[in-house]
Amino acid sequence: MSNRNFSKAKAREAGQGYVFMSPTLLVLLLFIIGPILYAIFLAFHKVQLLGAADFQYVGFDNFTKIMNDEKAKMALWNTFKYVIIVVPVQTILALVLAATLNAGIKGQKFFRIIYFLPTLTSSAVLTLIFMWMYNQNGLFNKFLSIFGLPGYNWIGDPSIALNAIMMMNIWSTAPFYMVIYLAALQDIPESLYEAAELDGANVFQKFLFITVPNLRPVTSFVVIMGLIGTFQLFDQSYIFSGGSGGPNNSTLTVVLLIYQYAFKSMGTMGYAAAIAFALALVILIATLIQRKFSKEESLY
């Protein structure tokens, strides 16, 4: 009898917990789980949403089409270049900035505020500001002319346009990760630096053999967040190219391509969903690989 009463009390307690959780569960279902399942459904169909909605099951045709789509290959290559350059550079820059600000330099609080300002600026506004500076008669070319160097067509030259977006993104995102590193630096015991100093270690040796190893878990987090963010590049590329991915598809990214197929082409919503699903798998695989490497490093 007591066991039955205990079971009823436990069920009542669990029921109350689910009642309190129901608003959150409803939001997750409507805005996260539901759209993901619907996108997976669309990926296996040829979809026509304008006029009378039509869903024609095509199996894996949308996924096999990706392999033969030159535009998709170009977008993937641009995104890959963007990821392998931006993630390491912004991670290293953030670590160096954090270590510098943590060294007790004069005006430390002032520089922290100045460095963090780009992160507080809207991405769209930041992109428009950089487009003005990248103009033929903009700030960058005027700065180069001071040293007698030739100017560049930062926005219109296919060989430079993506690099221009990279520089802007590194400048705007590195301060965010710098703050994360700054917080982590406070947890490194000062006694480690004092012991290294007694052994004759200089500033660079203390940084390489104490700071960097102790920040490995944080670096793993920063790299994973960087991977996810850079794979999802859209707004800067869209504003730079007016949504076309130009010049000559040089700034076309996977997410921008998904947008084009989903909202600018007729009957390709299912194909756009297939590309989005493939991108999610790529991000997941890249994240798992990075986590595996970080775990192996912690073992040694």
Protein backbone atom coordinates (compact mmCIF):
# COMPACT_ATOMS: atom_id res chain seq x y z
CA MET A 1 0.00 0.00 0.00
CA SER A 2 2.82 2.34 0.89
CA ASN A 3 4.56 1.54 -2.41
CA ARG A 4 1.38 2.46 -4.30
CA ASN A 5 1.08 5.76 -2.44
CA PHE A 6 4.77 6.45 -3.10
CA SER A 7 4.26 5.78 -6.82
CA LYS A 8 1.27 8.12 -6.93
CA ALA A 9 3.22 10.86 -5.15
CA LYS A 10 6.14 10.40 -7.52
CA ALA A 11 3.83 10.53 -10.57
CA ARG A 12 2.11 13.64 -9.17
CA GLU A 13 5.48 15.31 -8.61
CA ALA A 14 6.62 14.43 -12.14
CA GLY A 15 3.33 15.74 -13.54
CA GLN A 16 3.77 19.03 -11.72
CA GLY A 17 7.29 19.30 -13.13
CA TYR A 18 6.05 18.80 -16.69
CA VAL A 19 3.30 21.38 -16.13
CA PHE A 20 5.90 23.96 -15.12
CA MET A 21 8.08 22.96 -18.08
CA SER A 22 5.22 22.99 -20.59
CA PRO A 23 5.68 26.64 -21.75
CA THR A 24 9.37 26.00 -22.51
CA LEU A 25 8.60 22.65 -24.13
CA LEU A 26 5.91 24.30 -26.27
CA VAL A 27 8.32 27.01 -27.43
CA LEU A 28 10.98 24.38 -28.25
CA LEU A 29 8.44 22.31 -30.16
CA LEU A 30 7.05 25.24 -32.15
CA PHE A 31 10.21 27.16 -32.95
CA ILE A 32 13.06 24.59 -32.89
CA ILE A 33 12.01 20.93 -33.09
CA GLY A 34 9.02 21.56 -35.36
CA PRO A 35 10.91 23.61 -37.99
CA ILE A 36 13.79 21.08 -37.98
CA LEU A 37 11.41 18.18 -38.65
CA TYR A 38 9.57 20.20 -41.31
CA ALA A 39 12.86 21.09 -43.02
CA ILE A 40 13.82 17.40 -43.09
CA PHE A 41 10.41 16.65 -44.61
CA LEU A 42 10.91 19.35 -47.27
CA ALA A 43 14.39 18.01 -48.12
CA PHE A 44 12.82 14.84 -49.56
CA HIS A 45 10.18 16.65 -51.61
CA LYS A 46 9.87 18.95 -54.59
CA VAL A 47 7.95 21.84 -53.06
CA GLN A 48 5.71 24.46 -54.62
CA LEU A 49 4.40 26.89 -52.00
CA LEU A 50 3.10 29.71 -54.20
CA GLY A 51 -0.54 29.34 -55.16
CA ALA A 52 -1.77 25.83 -54.39
CA ALA A 53 0.81 24.13 -52.14
CA ASP A 54 2.23 21.00 -53.75
CA PHE A 55 4.60 18.43 -52.23
CA GLN A 56 6.02 15.81 -54.59
CA TYR A 57 8.16 13.11 -52.98
CA VAL A 58 11.52 12.79 -54.78
CA GLY A 59 13.53 10.70 -52.32
CA PHE A 60 17.22 11.54 -52.29
CA ASP A 61 17.11 13.44 -55.61
CA ASN A 62 17.61 16.81 -53.88
CA PHE A 63 20.76 15.50 -52.18
CA THR A 64 22.25 13.95 -55.33
CA LYS A 65 21.54 17.21 -57.17
CA ILE A 66 23.96 19.00 -54.80
CA MET A 67 26.86 16.94 -56.17
CA ASN A 68 26.21 18.22 -59.70
CA ASP A 69 25.41 21.83 -58.80
CA GLU A 70 28.38 24.06 -59.70
CA LYS A 71 26.90 26.94 -57.72
CA ALA A 72 26.67 24.75 -54.61
CA LYS A 73 30.30 23.66 -55.06
CA MET A 74 31.41 27.30 -55.35
CA ALA A 75 29.42 28.25 -52.23
CA LEU A 76 30.89 25.33 -50.30
CA TRP A 77 34.43 26.24 -51.38
CA ASN A 78 33.95 29.91 -50.40
CA THR A 79 32.54 28.87 -47.02
CA PHE A 80 35.39 26.40 -46.48
CA LYS A 81 38.02 29.08 -47.22
CA TYR A 82 36.24 31.47 -44.93
CA VAL A 83 36.13 28.95 -42.06
CA ILE A 84 39.76 27.75 -42.24
CA ILE A 85 41.08 31.34 -42.28
CA VAL A 86 38.70 33.21 -39.96
CA VAL A 87 38.43 30.65 -37.12
CA PRO A 88 42.19 30.26 -36.42
CA VAL A 89 42.96 33.98 -36.89
CA GLN A 90 40.13 35.23 -34.67
CA THR A 91 40.98 32.62 -32.01
CA ILE A 92 44.68 33.55 -31.91
CA LEU A 93 43.93 37.28 -32.01
CA ALA A 94 41.41 36.95 -29.17
CA LEU A 95 43.93 35.01 -27.06
CA VAL A 96 46.71 37.54 -27.67
CA LEU A 97 44.43 40.51 -26.91
CA ALA A 98 43.20 38.86 -23.70
CA ALA A 99 46.72 38.02 -22.53
CA THR A 100 47.85 41.60 -23.28
CA LEU A 101 44.98 43.16 -21.36
CA ASN A 102 45.53 40.75 -18.48
CA ALA A 103 49.19 41.75 -18.16
CA GLY A 104 48.34 44.86 -16.12
CA ILE A 105 49.07 47.53 -18.74
CA LYS A 106 48.09 51.15 -18.11
CA GLY A 107 44.57 52.05 -19.22
CA GLN A 108 43.49 48.41 -19.08
CA LYS A 109 39.78 49.15 -18.51
CA PHE A 110 39.75 51.75 -21.28
CA PHE A 111 41.23 49.30 -23.82
CA ARG A 112 38.78 46.58 -22.78
CA ILE A 113 35.88 48.90 -23.60
CA ILE A 114 37.42 50.05 -26.90
CA TYR A 115 38.20 46.50 -28.03
CA PHE A 116 34.71 45.26 -27.18
CA LEU A 117 32.82 48.05 -29.00
CA PRO A 118 32.78 46.28 -32.43
CA THR A 119 30.93 43.34 -30.88
CA LEU A 120 28.17 45.66 -29.65
CA THR A 121 27.62 47.12 -33.14
CA SER A 122 24.87 45.66 -35.32
CA SER A 123 26.23 43.36 -38.01
CA ALA A 124 24.28 45.16 -40.73
CA VAL A 125 25.49 48.60 -39.61
CA LEU A 126 29.06 47.32 -39.32
CA THR A 127 28.91 45.93 -42.86
CA LEU A 128 27.64 49.24 -44.27
CA ILE A 129 30.44 51.11 -42.48
CA PHE A 130 33.05 48.76 -43.92
CA MET A 131 31.52 49.04 -47.40
CA TRP A 132 32.03 52.80 -47.14
CA MET A 133 35.65 52.29 -46.03
CA TYR A 134 36.19 49.69 -48.80
CA ASN A 135 34.95 52.13 -51.45
CA GLN A 136 37.36 53.10 -54.26
CA ASN A 137 37.82 56.48 -52.55
CA GLY A 138 37.34 55.07 -49.07
CA LEU A 139 39.47 55.03 -45.97
CA PHE A 140 41.46 51.88 -46.77
CA ASN A 141 42.63 53.04 -50.19
CA LYS A 142 43.48 56.51 -48.83
CA PHE A 143 45.54 54.88 -46.09
CA LEU A 144 47.41 52.78 -48.68
CA SER A 145 48.05 55.86 -50.84
CA ILE A 146 49.91 57.51 -47.91
CA PHE A 147 52.59 54.81 -48.27
CA GLY A 148 52.54 54.97 -52.06
CA LEU A 149 50.73 51.64 -52.38
CA PRO A 150 48.06 50.99 -55.04
CA GLY A 151 44.39 50.97 -54.06
CA TYR A 152 42.09 47.97 -54.48
CA ASN A 153 38.56 47.42 -55.63
CA TRP A 154 37.68 45.73 -52.35
CA ILE A 155 34.03 45.06 -53.20
CA GLY A 156 34.12 44.61 -56.98
CA ASP A 157 37.23 42.42 -57.40
CA PRO A 158 36.38 38.67 -57.17
CA SER A 159 39.87 37.85 -55.87
CA ILE A 160 39.58 40.29 -52.95
CA ALA A 161 35.88 40.56 -52.03
CA LEU A 162 35.77 37.50 -49.75
CA ASN A 163 39.03 38.54 -48.05
CA ALA A 164 37.46 41.93 -47.31
CA ILE A 165 34.55 40.19 -45.54
CA MET A 166 37.05 38.02 -43.63
CA MET A 167 38.95 41.04 -42.31
CA MET A 168 35.73 42.72 -41.22
CA ASN A 169 34.45 39.62 -39.45
CA ILE A 170 37.74 38.92 -37.65
CA TRP A 171 37.83 42.52 -36.42
CA SER A 172 34.24 42.36 -35.14
CA THR A 173 34.18 38.87 -33.56
CA ALA A 174 37.65 38.54 -31.98
CA PRO A 175 36.73 40.95 -29.10
CA PHE A 176 33.81 38.71 -28.09
CA TYR A 177 36.09 35.71 -27.69
CA MET A 178 38.68 37.97 -26.05
CA VAL A 179 36.24 38.55 -23.16
CA ILE A 180 35.79 34.78 -22.76
CA TYR A 181 39.55 34.32 -22.61
CA LEU A 182 39.88 37.21 -20.14
CA ALA A 183 37.43 35.49 -17.78
CA ALA A 184 39.32 32.20 -18.09
CA LEU A 185 42.68 33.85 -17.41
CA GLN A 186 41.48 34.84 -13.94
CA ASP A 187 41.29 31.13 -12.99
CA ILE A 188 44.96 30.37 -13.74
CA PRO A 189 46.84 30.31 -10.40
CA GLU A 190 49.37 33.12 -10.07
CA SER A 191 51.70 30.67 -8.30
CA LEU A 192 52.36 28.92 -11.64
CA TYR A 193 53.73 32.14 -13.14
CA GLU A 194 55.77 32.87 -10.01
CA ALA A 195 57.33 29.39 -10.08
CA ALA A 196 58.14 29.73 -13.78
CA GLU A 197 59.71 33.13 -13.15
CA LEU A 198 61.94 31.64 -10.44
CA ASP A 199 63.05 29.02 -12.98
CA GLY A 200 64.09 31.81 -15.36
CA ALA A 201 61.13 31.71 -17.78
CA ASN A 202 60.55 34.87 -19.79
CA VAL A 203 57.17 36.38 -20.78
CA PHE A 204 56.82 34.36 -23.99
CA GLN A 205 57.75 31.07 -22.30
CA LYS A 206 55.18 31.66 -19.55
CA PHE A 207 52.57 32.39 -22.23
CA LEU A 208 53.38 29.27 -24.29
CA PHE A 209 53.88 26.77 -21.46
CA ILE A 210 51.44 28.02 -18.81
CA THR A 211 48.77 30.25 -20.33
CA VAL A 212 48.05 28.33 -23.54
CA PRO A 213 47.87 24.81 -21.96
CA ASN A 214 45.60 26.01 -19.14
CA LEU A 215 43.24 27.61 -21.64
CA ARG A 216 42.74 24.49 -23.79
CA PRO A 217 39.13 23.82 -22.66
CA VAL A 218 38.22 27.47 -23.36
CA THR A 219 40.02 27.35 -26.72
CA SER A 220 38.00 24.25 -27.61
CA PHE A 221 34.79 26.14 -26.83
CA VAL A 222 35.92 29.21 -28.79
CA VAL A 223 36.85 27.11 -31.84
CA ILE A 224 33.52 25.24 -31.79
CA MET A 225 31.56 28.50 -31.53
CA GLY A 226 33.72 29.96 -34.29
CA LEU A 227 33.07 26.97 -36.55
CA ILE A 228 29.31 27.19 -36.07
CA GLY A 229 29.27 30.95 -36.62
CA THR A 230 31.49 31.03 -39.70
CA PHE A 231 29.68 28.16 -41.43
CA GLN A 232 26.49 30.22 -41.06
CA LEU A 233 27.87 33.40 -42.68
CA PHE A 234 24.99 35.18 -44.41
CA ASP A 235 24.28 38.82 -43.55
CA GLN A 236 27.68 40.31 -44.45
CA SER A 237 27.80 38.42 -47.74
CA TYR A 238 24.20 39.38 -48.54
CA ILE A 239 24.75 43.09 -47.89
CA PHE A 240 28.12 43.19 -49.68
CA SER A 241 26.72 41.60 -52.83
CA GLY A 242 23.11 42.79 -52.69
CA GLY A 243 22.02 39.17 -52.28
CA SER A 244 23.71 37.93 -55.47
CA GLY A 245 26.89 36.47 -53.95
CA GLY A 246 28.95 38.48 -56.43
CA PRO A 247 31.16 39.58 -57.90
CA ASN A 248 31.32 36.38 -59.95
CA ASN A 249 29.99 34.30 -57.00
CA SER A 250 33.14 35.13 -55.01
CA THR A 251 31.15 35.98 -51.85
CA LEU A 252 28.50 33.30 -52.30
CA THR A 253 28.23 31.22 -49.13
CA VAL A 254 26.18 28.11 -48.42
CA VAL A 255 23.58 29.97 -46.31
CA LEU A 256 23.23 32.70 -48.93
CA LEU A 257 22.74 29.99 -51.57
CA ILE A 258 20.04 28.40 -49.39
CA TYR A 259 18.30 31.78 -49.25
CA GLN A 260 18.49 32.20 -53.03
CA TYR A 261 17.04 28.76 -53.75
CA ALA A 262 14.37 29.05 -51.04
CA PHE A 263 13.04 32.54 -51.75
CA LYS A 264 14.31 33.69 -55.16
CA SER A 265 13.72 30.60 -57.30
CA MET A 266 10.46 28.82 -58.10
CA GLY A 267 10.00 25.23 -56.93
CA THR A 268 13.38 24.84 -55.24
CA MET A 269 12.33 25.13 -51.58
CA GLY A 270 12.90 21.38 -51.12
CA TYR A 271 16.36 21.62 -52.68
CA ALA A 272 17.20 24.54 -50.36
CA ALA A 273 16.10 22.43 -47.38
CA ALA A 274 18.37 19.58 -48.57
CA ILE A 275 21.36 21.96 -48.72
CA ALA A 276 20.49 23.25 -45.24
CA PHE A 277 20.32 19.69 -43.92
CA ALA A 278 23.68 18.87 -45.54
CA LEU A 279 25.20 22.03 -44.00
CA ALA A 280 23.91 21.00 -40.56
CA LEU A 281 25.63 17.62 -40.98
CA VAL A 282 28.90 19.30 -42.02
CA ILE A 283 28.79 21.57 -38.95
CA LEU A 284 28.01 18.59 -36.71
CA ILE A 285 30.88 16.51 -38.14
CA ALA A 286 33.35 19.42 -37.89
CA THR A 287 32.30 20.02 -34.26
CA LEU A 288 32.63 16.33 -33.33
CA ILE A 289 36.08 16.12 -34.94
CA GLN A 290 37.24 19.22 -33.07
CA ARG A 291 35.88 17.85 -29.77
CA LYS A 292 37.64 14.53 -30.36
CA PHE A 293 40.98 16.29 -30.92
CA SER A 294 40.49 18.45 -27.82
CA LYS A 295 39.75 15.35 -25.69
CA GLU A 296 42.86 13.57 -27.01
CA GLU A 297 44.97 16.65 -26.17
CA SER A 298 43.61 16.71 -22.60
CA LEU A 299 44.70 13.09 -22.13
CA TYR A 300 48.30 13.95 -22.85
